[in-house]
C-alpha atoms as a PDB file:
ATOM      1  CA  UNK A   1      32.169 -70.828 -25.312  1.00  0.00           C
ATOM      2  CA  UNK A   2      29.610 -68.566 -23.601  1.00  0.00           C
ATOM      3  CA  UNK A   3      26.165 -69.967 -23.146  1.00  0.00           C
ATOM      4  CA  UNK A   4      23.574 -67.881 -25.131  1.00  0.00           C
ATOM      5  CA  UNK A   5      21.108 -68.233 -22.260  1.00  0.00           C
ATOM      6  CA  UNK A   6      23.504 -66.450 -19.931  1.00  0.00           C
ATOM      7  CA  UNK A   7      23.990 -63.681 -22.467  1.00  0.00           C
ATOM      8  CA  UNK A   8      20.239 -63.223 -22.763  1.00  0.00           C
ATOM      9  CA  UNK A   9      19.843 -63.178 -18.999  1.00  0.00           C
ATOM     10  CA  UNK A  10      22.604 -60.584 -18.640  1.00  0.00           C
ATOM     11  CA  UNK A  11      21.007 -58.421 -21.328  1.00  0.00           C
ATOM     12  CA  UNK A  12      17.606 -58.693 -19.632  1.00  0.00           C
ATOM     13  CA  UNK A  13      19.103 -57.790 -16.256  1.00  0.00           C
ATOM     14  CA  UNK A  14      20.917 -54.802 -17.711  1.00  0.00           C
ATOM     15  CA  UNK A  15      17.737 -53.699 -19.471  1.00  0.00           C
ATOM     16  CA  UNK A  16      15.699 -53.965 -16.278  1.00  0.00           C
ATOM     17  CA  UNK A  17      18.317 -52.072 -14.312  1.00  0.00           C
ATOM     18  CA  UNK A  18      18.355 -49.314 -16.904  1.00  0.00           C
ATOM     19  CA  UNK A  19      14.562 -49.196 -16.744  1.00  0.00           C
ATOM     20  CA  UNK A  20      14.591 -48.384 -13.039  1.00  0.00           C
ATOM     21  CA  UNK A  21      14.076 -44.692 -12.377  1.00  0.00           C
ATOM     22  CA  UNK A  22      13.998 -42.951  -9.007  1.00  0.00           C
ATOM     23  CA  UNK A  23      11.818 -39.893  -8.609  1.00  0.00           C
ATOM     24  CA  UNK A  24      12.222 -37.512  -5.694  1.00  0.00           C
ATOM     25  CA  UNK A  25       9.353 -36.566  -3.422  1.00  0.00           C
ATOM     26  CA  UNK A  26       8.680 -33.339  -5.329  1.00  0.00           C
ATOM     27  CA  UNK A  27       8.928 -34.937  -8.789  1.00  0.00           C
ATOM     28  CA  UNK A  28       6.402 -36.706 -10.959  1.00  0.00           C
ATOM     29  CA  UNK A  29       7.013 -38.664 -14.132  1.00  0.00           C
ATOM     30  CA  UNK A  30       4.722 -38.193 -17.119  1.00  0.00           C
ATOM     31  CA  UNK A  31       4.960 -41.398 -19.185  1.00  0.00           C
ATOM     32  CA  UNK A  32       4.348 -41.670 -22.930  1.00  0.00           C
ATOM     33  CA  UNK A  33       3.953 -45.304 -23.980  1.00  0.00           C
ATOM     34  CA  UNK A  34       4.171 -45.756 -27.714  1.00  0.00           C
ATOM     35  CA  UNK A  35       3.401 -42.054 -28.006  1.00  0.00           C
ATOM     36  CA  UNK A  36       0.254 -42.241 -25.898  1.00  0.00           C
ATOM     37  CA  UNK A  37      -0.040 -40.521 -22.544  1.00  0.00           C
ATOM     38  CA  UNK A  38      -0.666 -42.760 -19.574  1.00  0.00           C
ATOM     39  CA  UNK A  39      -3.694 -41.790 -17.455  1.00  0.00           C
ATOM     40  CA  UNK A  40      -1.722 -41.058 -14.284  1.00  0.00           C
ATOM     41  CA  UNK A  41       1.775 -39.666 -13.684  1.00  0.00           C
ATOM     42  CA  UNK A  42       4.168 -41.879 -11.757  1.00  0.00           C
ATOM     43  CA  UNK A  43       6.181 -41.206  -8.634  1.00  0.00           C
ATOM     44  CA  UNK A  44       7.593 -40.478  -6.245  1.00  0.00           C
ATOM     45  CA  UNK A  45       9.929 -43.375  -5.513  1.00  0.00           C
ATOM     46  CA  UNK A  46      11.055 -46.213  -7.775  1.00  0.00           C
ATOM     47  CA  UNK A  47       9.322 -46.603 -11.142  1.00  0.00           C
ATOM     48  CA  UNK A  48       9.976 -48.623 -14.286  1.00  0.00           C
ATOM     49  CA  UNK A  49      10.380 -46.968 -17.667  1.00  0.00           C
ATOM     50  CA  UNK A  50      10.692 -49.500 -20.457  1.00  0.00           C
ATOM     51  CA  UNK A  51      12.652 -47.757 -23.174  1.00  0.00           C
ATOM     52  CA  UNK A  52      12.208 -47.381 -26.085  1.00  0.00           C
ATOM     53  CA  UNK A  53       8.524 -48.110 -25.608  1.00  0.00           C
ATOM     54  CA  UNK A  54       8.227 -45.553 -22.822  1.00  0.00           C
ATOM     55  CA  UNK A  55       9.445 -41.993 -22.617  1.00  0.00           C
ATOM     56  CA  UNK A  56       9.461 -40.109 -19.329  1.00  0.00           C
ATOM     57  CA  UNK A  57       9.194 -36.375 -18.741  1.00  0.00           C
ATOM     58  CA  UNK A  58      10.115 -35.253 -15.225  1.00  0.00           C
ATOM     59  CA  UNK A  59       8.041 -32.436 -13.780  1.00  0.00           C
ATOM     60  CA  UNK A  60       8.809 -30.632 -10.524  1.00  0.00           C
ATOM     61  CA  UNK A  61       5.949 -29.789  -8.183  1.00  0.00           C
ATOM     62  CA  UNK A  62       7.910 -27.222  -6.179  1.00  0.00           C
ATOM     63  CA  UNK A  63       7.075 -23.536  -6.248  1.00  0.00           C
ATOM     64  CA  UNK A  64       9.025 -21.732  -8.952  1.00  0.00           C
ATOM     65  CA  UNK A  65       9.935 -18.061  -8.946  1.00  0.00           C
ATOM     66  CA  UNK A  66       9.675 -16.066 -12.134  1.00  0.00           C
ATOM     67  CA  UNK A  67      10.901 -12.478 -12.352  1.00  0.00           C
ATOM     68  CA  UNK A  68       9.031 -10.357 -14.863  1.00  0.00           C
ATOM     69  CA  UNK A  69      11.374  -7.877 -16.597  1.00  0.00           C
ATOM     70  CA  UNK A  70      10.649  -4.174 -16.310  1.00  0.00           C
ATOM     71  CA  UNK A  71       7.744  -3.223 -18.547  1.00  0.00           C
ATOM     72  CA  UNK A  72       6.928   0.210 -19.979  1.00  0.00           C
ATOM     73  CA  UNK A  73       3.361   0.905 -18.918  1.00  0.00           C
ATOM     74  CA  UNK A  74       1.142   3.887 -19.732  1.00  0.00           C
ATOM     75  CA  UNK A  75      -1.425   4.345 -16.980  1.00  0.00           C
ATOM     76  CA  UNK A  76      -4.985   5.503 -17.494  1.00  0.00           C
ATOM     77  CA  UNK A  77      -4.007   9.103 -16.708  1.00  0.00           C
ATOM     78  CA  UNK A  78      -1.260   8.986 -19.405  1.00  0.00           C
ATOM     79  CA  UNK A  79       1.770   8.608 -17.133  1.00  0.00           C
ATOM     80  CA  UNK A  80       4.645   6.422 -18.367  1.00  0.00           C
ATOM     81  CA  UNK A  81       6.197   4.168 -15.724  1.00  0.00           C
ATOM     82  CA  UNK A  82       8.488   1.159 -15.609  1.00  0.00           C
ATOM     83  CA  UNK A  83       7.163  -1.722 -13.525  1.00  0.00           C
ATOM     84  CA  UNK A  84       8.669  -5.096 -12.738  1.00  0.00           C
ATOM     85  CA  UNK A  85       7.187  -7.927 -10.719  1.00  0.00           C
ATOM     86  CA  UNK A  86       7.855 -11.410  -9.368  1.00  0.00           C
ATOM     87  CA  UNK A  87       5.543 -14.411  -9.730  1.00  0.00           C
ATOM     88  CA  UNK A  88       5.360 -17.531  -7.570  1.00  0.00           C
ATOM     89  CA  UNK A  89       3.714 -20.541  -9.180  1.00  0.00           C
ATOM     90  CA  UNK A  90       3.747 -24.323  -9.144  1.00  0.00           C
ATOM     91  CA  UNK A  91       2.587 -27.228 -11.270  1.00  0.00           C
ATOM     92  CA  UNK A  92      -0.451 -28.982  -9.845  1.00  0.00           C
ATOM     93  CA  UNK A  93      -1.273 -31.167 -12.872  1.00  0.00           C
ATOM     94  CA  UNK A  94       1.876 -32.590 -14.513  1.00  0.00           C
ATOM     95  CA  UNK A  95       0.024 -34.135 -17.445  1.00  0.00           C
ATOM     96  CA  UNK A  96      -1.462 -30.794 -18.533  1.00  0.00           C
ATOM     97  CA  UNK A  97       1.858 -28.987 -18.028  1.00  0.00           C
ATOM     98  CA  UNK A  98       3.487 -31.382 -20.512  1.00  0.00           C
ATOM     99  CA  UNK A  99       0.698 -31.924 -23.029  1.00  0.00           C
ATOM    100  CA  UNK A 100      -1.155 -28.595 -23.207  1.00  0.00           C
ATOM    101  CA  UNK A 101       1.868 -26.288 -23.588  1.00  0.00           C
ATOM    102  CA  UNK A 102       5.314 -26.857 -25.059  1.00  0.00           C
ATOM    103  CA  UNK A 103       7.174 -24.901 -22.355  1.00  0.00           C
ATOM    104  CA  UNK A 104       5.060 -23.794 -19.432  1.00  0.00           C
ATOM    105  CA  UNK A 105       7.865 -21.684 -17.921  1.00  0.00           C
ATOM    106  CA  UNK A 106       8.283 -19.584 -21.064  1.00  0.00           C
ATOM    107  CA  UNK A 107       4.529 -19.397 -21.635  1.00  0.00           C
ATOM    108  CA  UNK A 108       3.906 -18.228 -18.067  1.00  0.00           C
ATOM    109  CA  UNK A 109       6.643 -15.605 -18.395  1.00  0.00           C
ATOM    110  CA  UNK A 110       5.194 -14.151 -21.596  1.00  0.00           C
ATOM    111  CA  UNK A 111       1.664 -14.209 -20.209  1.00  0.00           C
ATOM    112  CA  UNK A 112       2.854 -12.401 -17.065  1.00  0.00           C
ATOM    113  CA  UNK A 113       4.442  -9.617 -19.116  1.00  0.00           C
ATOM    114  CA  UNK A 114       1.355  -8.981 -21.231  1.00  0.00           C
ATOM    115  CA  UNK A 115      -0.969  -9.219 -18.230  1.00  0.00           C
ATOM    116  CA  UNK A 116       1.169  -6.760 -16.276  1.00  0.00           C
ATOM    117  CA  UNK A 117       0.948  -4.191 -19.074  1.00  0.00           C
ATOM    118  CA  UNK A 118      -2.767  -4.631 -19.660  1.00  0.00           C
ATOM    119  CA  UNK A 119      -3.851  -4.576 -16.007  1.00  0.00           C
ATOM    120  CA  UNK A 120      -1.668  -1.632 -15.015  1.00  0.00           C
ATOM    121  CA  UNK A 121      -2.791   0.289 -18.094  1.00  0.00           C
ATOM    122  CA  UNK A 122      -6.316   0.325 -16.666  1.00  0.00           C
ATOM    123  CA  UNK A 123      -5.251   2.002 -13.417  1.00  0.00           C
ATOM    124  CA  UNK A 124      -4.270   5.550 -12.544  1.00  0.00           C
ATOM    125  CA  UNK A 125      -0.900   6.438 -11.080  1.00  0.00           C
ATOM    126  CA  UNK A 126      -2.286   7.122  -7.608  1.00  0.00           C
ATOM    127  CA  UNK A 127      -3.944   3.693  -7.535  1.00  0.00           C
ATOM    128  CA  UNK A 128      -0.734   2.058  -8.734  1.00  0.00           C
ATOM    129  CA  UNK A 129       1.273   3.651  -5.920  1.00  0.00           C
ATOM    130  CA  UNK A 130      -1.228   3.367  -3.065  1.00  0.00           C
ATOM    131  CA  UNK A 131      -3.277   0.221  -3.769  1.00  0.00           C
ATOM    132  CA  UNK A 132      -0.433  -2.236  -4.227  1.00  0.00           C
ATOM    133  CA  UNK A 133      -2.142  -5.096  -2.382  1.00  0.00           C
ATOM    134  CA  UNK A 134      -5.297  -4.794  -4.479  1.00  0.00           C
ATOM    135  CA  UNK A 135      -3.209  -4.718  -7.644  1.00  0.00           C
ATOM    136  CA  UNK A 136      -1.279  -7.849  -6.647  1.00  0.00           C
ATOM    137  CA  UNK A 137      -4.490  -9.767  -5.994  1.00  0.00           C
ATOM    138  CA  UNK A 138      -5.929  -8.766  -9.352  1.00  0.00           C
ATOM    139  CA  UNK A 139      -2.781  -9.809 -11.222  1.00  0.00           C
ATOM    140  CA  UNK A 140      -2.719 -13.117  -9.368  1.00  0.00           C
ATOM    141  CA  UNK A 141      -6.386 -13.779 -10.202  1.00  0.00           C
ATOM    142  CA  UNK A 142      -5.944 -13.038 -13.928  1.00  0.00           C
ATOM    143  CA  UNK A 143      -2.782 -15.112 -14.287  1.00  0.00           C
ATOM    144  CA  UNK A 144      -4.191 -18.026 -12.309  1.00  0.00           C
ATOM    145  CA  UNK A 145      -7.286 -18.095 -14.493  1.00  0.00           C
ATOM    146  CA  UNK A 146      -5.213 -18.133 -17.680  1.00  0.00           C
ATOM    147  CA  UNK A 147      -2.687 -20.765 -16.540  1.00  0.00           C
ATOM    148  CA  UNK A 148      -5.260 -23.147 -15.058  1.00  0.00           C
ATOM    149  CA  UNK A 149      -5.597 -24.879 -18.448  1.00  0.00           C
ATOM    150  CA  UNK A 150      -1.846 -25.659 -18.339  1.00  0.00           C
ATOM    151  CA  UNK A 151      -2.007 -27.292 -14.917  1.00  0.00           C
ATOM    152  CA  UNK A 152      -0.154 -24.340 -13.364  1.00  0.00           C
ATOM    153  CA  UNK A 153      -1.292 -22.616 -10.174  1.00  0.00           C
ATOM    154  CA  UNK A 154      -0.171 -19.008  -9.617  1.00  0.00           C
ATOM    155  CA  UNK A 155       0.086 -18.623  -5.847  1.00  0.00           C
ATOM    156  CA  UNK A 156       1.386 -15.066  -5.496  1.00  0.00           C
ATOM    157  CA  UNK A 157       2.199 -11.980  -7.568  1.00  0.00           C
ATOM    158  CA  UNK A 158       4.170  -9.061  -6.139  1.00  0.00           C
ATOM    159  CA  UNK A 159       4.911  -5.788  -7.920  1.00  0.00           C
ATOM    160  CA  UNK A 160       8.527  -5.129  -6.936  1.00  0.00           C
ATOM    161  CA  UNK A 161       9.310  -1.628  -8.142  1.00  0.00           C
ATOM    162  CA  UNK A 162       7.661   1.283  -9.921  1.00  0.00           C
ATOM    163  CA  UNK A 163      10.105   3.670 -11.630  1.00  0.00           C
ATOM    164  CA  UNK A 164       8.897   7.173 -12.476  1.00  0.00           C
ATOM    165  CA  UNK A 165      10.405   9.868 -14.645  1.00  0.00           C
ATOM    166  CA  UNK A 166      12.300  12.657 -12.894  1.00  0.00           C
ATOM    167  CA  UNK A 167       9.715  15.269 -13.889  1.00  0.00           C
ATOM    168  CA  UNK A 168       6.921  13.145 -12.459  1.00  0.00           C
ATOM    169  CA  UNK A 169       8.807  12.657  -9.190  1.00  0.00           C
ATOM    170  CA  UNK A 170       9.143  16.422  -8.810  1.00  0.00           C
ATOM    171  CA  UNK A 171       5.463  16.899  -9.616  1.00  0.00           C
ATOM    172  CA  UNK A 172       4.468  14.327  -6.997  1.00  0.00           C
ATOM    173  CA  UNK A 173       6.729  16.041  -4.462  1.00  0.00           C
ATOM    174  CA  UNK A 174       5.060  19.383  -5.121  1.00  0.00           C
ATOM    175  CA  UNK A 175       1.656  17.759  -4.816  1.00  0.00           C
ATOM    176  CA  UNK A 176       2.593  16.158  -1.499  1.00  0.00           C
ATOM    177  CA  UNK A 177       3.944  19.471  -0.189  1.00  0.00           C
ATOM    178  CA  UNK A 178       0.762  21.283  -1.187  1.00  0.00           C
ATOM    179  CA  UNK A 179      -1.304  18.589   0.487  1.00  0.00           C
ATOM    180  CA  UNK A 180       0.660  18.967   3.728  1.00  0.00           C
ATOM    181  CA  UNK A 181       0.203  22.745   3.626  1.00  0.00           C
ATOM    182  CA  UNK A 182      -3.529  22.295   3.091  1.00  0.00           C
ATOM    183  CA  UNK A 183      -3.765  20.000   6.093  1.00  0.00           C
ATOM    184  CA  UNK A 184      -1.710  22.404   8.216  1.00  0.00           C
ATOM    185  CA  UNK A 185      -4.022  25.298   7.344  1.00  0.00           C
ATOM    186  CA  UNK A 186      -7.090  23.224   8.127  1.00  0.00           C
ATOM    187  CA  UNK A 187      -5.659  22.172  11.483  1.00  0.00           C
ATOM    188  CA  UNK A 188      -4.722  25.781  12.279  1.00  0.00           C
ATOM    189  CA  UNK A 189      -8.204  26.996  11.370  1.00  0.00           C
ATOM    190  CA  UNK A 190      -9.787  24.280  13.521  1.00  0.00           C
ATOM    191  CA  UNK A 191      -7.557  25.333  16.410  1.00  0.00           C
ATOM    192  CA  UNK A 192      -8.580  28.982  16.001  1.00  0.00           C
ATOM    193  CA  UNK A 193     -12.233  27.960  15.926  1.00  0.00           C
ATOM    194  CA  UNK A 194     -11.884  25.889  19.091  1.00  0.00           C
ATOM    195  CA  UNK A 195      -9.980  28.700  20.825  1.00  0.00           C
ATOM    196  CA  UNK A 196     -12.692  31.190  19.861  1.00  0.00           C
ATOM    197  CA  UNK A 197     -15.367  28.911  21.321  1.00  0.00           C
ATOM    198  CA  UNK A 198     -13.436  28.593  24.583  1.00  0.00           C
ATOM    199  CA  UNK A 199     -12.900  32.348  24.772  1.00  0.00           C
ATOM    200  CA  UNK A 200     -16.608  32.925  24.251  1.00  0.00           C
ATOM    201  CA  UNK A 201     -17.399  30.511  27.080  1.00  0.00           C
ATOM    202  CA  UNK A 202     -14.850  32.261  29.338  1.00  0.00           C
ATOM    203  CA  UNK A 203     -16.370  35.662  28.525  1.00  0.00           C
ATOM    204  CA  UNK A 204     -19.795  34.377  29.548  1.00  0.00           C
ATOM    205  CA  UNK A 205     -18.441  33.161  32.879  1.00  0.00           C
ATOM    206  CA  UNK A 206     -16.608  36.443  33.529  1.00  0.00           C
ATOM    207  CA  UNK A 207     -19.761  38.390  32.659  1.00  0.00           C
ATOM    208  CA  UNK A 208     -21.705  36.490  35.277  1.00  0.00           C
ATOM    209  CA  UNK A 209     -18.950  36.891  37.894  1.00  0.00           C
ATOM    210  CA  UNK A 210     -17.290  40.339  37.624  1.00  0.00           C
ATOM    211  CA  UNK A 211     -14.738  39.422  40.309  1.00  0.00           C
ATOM    212  CA  UNK A 212     -13.279  36.829  37.953  1.00  0.00           C
ATOM    213  CA  UNK A 213     -11.644  39.540  35.848  1.00  0.00           C
ATOM    214  CA  UNK A 214      -9.825  40.864  38.903  1.00  0.00           C
ATOM    215  CA  UNK A 215      -8.538  37.367  39.678  1.00  0.00           C
ATOM    216  CA  UNK A 216      -7.364  37.097  36.111  1.00  0.00           C
ATOM    217  CA  UNK A 217      -5.476  40.391  36.468  1.00  0.00           C
ATOM    218  CA  UNK A 218      -3.745  39.132  39.602  1.00  0.00           C
ATOM    219  CA  UNK A 219      -2.797  35.879  37.910  1.00  0.00           C
ATOM    220  CA  UNK A 220      -1.318  37.803  34.995  1.00  0.00           C
ATOM    221  CA  UNK A 221       0.777  39.888  37.417  1.00  0.00           C
ATOM    222  CA  UNK A 222       2.080  36.715  39.067  1.00  0.00           C
ATOM    223  CA  UNK A 223       3.079  35.296  35.682  1.00  0.00           C
ATOM    224  CA  UNK A 224       4.878  38.510  34.764  1.00  0.00           C
ATOM    225  CA  UNK A 225       6.673  38.600  38.112  1.00  0.00           C
ATOM    226  CA  UNK A 226       8.220  35.164  37.567  1.00  0.00           C
ATOM    227  CA  UNK A 227      10.061  36.429  34.479  1.00  0.00           C
ATOM    228  CA  UNK A 228      12.420  38.619  36.651  1.00  0.00           C
ATOM    229  CA  UNK A 229      12.003  41.660  34.470  1.00  0.00           C
ATOM    230  CA  UNK A 230      11.724  45.338  35.332  1.00  0.00           C
ATOM    231  CA  UNK A 231       8.496  45.982  33.487  1.00  0.00           C
ATOM    232  CA  UNK A 232       5.646  47.131  35.704  1.00  0.00           C
ATOM    233  CA  UNK A 233       2.161  46.496  34.406  1.00  0.00           C
ATOM    234  CA  UNK A 234      -0.806  48.109  36.084  1.00  0.00           C
ATOM    235  CA  UNK A 235      -4.059  46.619  34.892  1.00  0.00           C
ATOM    236  CA  UNK A 236      -6.831  49.167  34.525  1.00  0.00           C
ATOM    237  CA  UNK A 237     -10.271  47.603  34.240  1.00  0.00           C
ATOM    238  CA  UNK A 238     -12.352  48.848  31.364  1.00  0.00           C
ATOM    239  CA  UNK A 239     -15.343  49.121  33.688  1.00  0.00           C
ATOM    240  CA  UNK A 240     -13.605  51.997  35.537  1.00  0.00           C
ATOM    241  CA  UNK A 241     -13.693  54.148  32.417  1.00  0.00           C
ATOM    242  CA  UNK A 242     -17.402  53.521  31.930  1.00  0.00           C
ATOM    243  CA  UNK A 243     -18.093  54.299  35.587  1.00  0.00           C
ATOM    244  CA  UNK A 244     -16.108  57.553  35.379  1.00  0.00           C
ATOM    245  CA  UNK A 245     -18.026  58.477  32.249  1.00  0.00           C
ATOM    246  CA  UNK A 246     -21.353  57.911  33.985  1.00  0.00           C
ATOM    247  CA  UNK A 247     -20.256  60.051  36.968  1.00  0.00           C
ATOM    248  CA  UNK A 248     -19.241  62.893  34.696  1.00  0.00           C
ATOM    249  CA  UNK A 249     -22.508  62.711  32.772  1.00  0.00           C
ATOM    250  CA  UNK A 250     -24.466  62.766  36.032  1.00  0.00           C
ATOM    251  CA  UNK A 251     -22.526  65.769  37.330  1.00  0.00           C
ATOM    252  CA  UNK A 252     -23.118  67.656  34.105  1.00  0.00           C
ATOM    253  CA  UNK A 253     -26.826  66.941  34.264  1.00  0.00           C
ATOM    254  CA  UNK A 254     -27.140  68.171  37.846  1.00  0.00           C
ATOM    255  CA  UNK A 255     -25.081  71.346  37.334  1.00  0.00           C
ATOM    256  CA  UNK A 256     -27.205  74.613  37.086  1.00  0.00           C
ATOM    257  CA  UNK A 257     -27.264  76.347  33.772  1.00  0.00           C
ATOM    258  CA  UNK A 258     -25.920  79.938  33.317  1.00  0.00           C
ATOM    259  CA  UNK A 259     -29.389  81.504  32.688  1.00  0.00           C
ATOM    260  CA  UNK A 260     -30.878  80.231  35.919  1.00  0.00           C
ATOM    261  CA  UNK A 261     -27.986  81.609  37.946  1.00  0.00           C
ATOM    262  CA  UNK A 262     -28.443  85.140  36.537  1.00  0.00           C
ATOM    263  CA  UNK A 263     -32.173  85.151  37.394  1.00  0.00           C
ATOM    264  CA  UNK A 264     -31.381  84.366  40.972  1.00  0.00           C
END
C-alpha cells in the first residue's frame, strides 16, 4: 500500500514544478494574484506562478512593426490620395499594456489609421510630397502622446507610399515641366544680361584704345582661316566711312560757288 505522505510529497513536487516559469530576456510577466495586479512585473529568468491563485500574462518588450493599410485621404487642397505607413513601437510599461487596454496591438493599429487620416487631411499635396520627414515626426509625436497611457512607446513612423490619381499625376507633370521652362527662361535672361554687361565693358575699352578694334579684326580673320573655307572676309572699319564723309563735307565747303566764278 502506498504511503499517503509520499503521495502528498509527489503532488507538491509536481505542483511546484508546474509553477516554475521561464521568461526570456525580452519578456516580462504581469501577475494577477486572486484577481489583483501585483505592483511589479516579473522576469526575466525563472519565476514562480502559483496556479490557480496566480495568472500570468506574458508581454514582449521588443520593437513591433505595424503596417497601416492604405487610407483614402483628402488633403487640404481637396486632392484625394491613398497613403499607407509603417509604425515601429514597443511596450515600456507591461502593467499598463495589460490593464489599461484590452488589446494594445489592435488599439494602436486603429489609432494609427485615424491619426494618419486626420493629420494628412490638414496638409496640402505639395507638403505631403516634399516634407515627408516633417510629416513623419508629427505622426510619431501624436501617436506617442496617445499611446503613452497604454505603456506603449512609438519610436518611429514612416509614410511608405502616396498613390495619386492618373489625372493628378499628369497635372503634376505639366506643372513640373512649366516650372523647368520658367527656370530655363530666367537663366537665359540672366545670361543675356551678363553678356550685355560684358559687351558694354568691352566697348568702353575699345573706345579708349582705337587700335583694339583692329586687333579684334585680325583675330577674327585668324579664326575664319582655321575653318579651311573659301570665304574671304575683308573687315571695313566703320570709322573709315565717317572719315570719308568728313573729307567730302570739307571739300564741298571749300569749293567756289558758281556765282563767284562768273564775276571773276
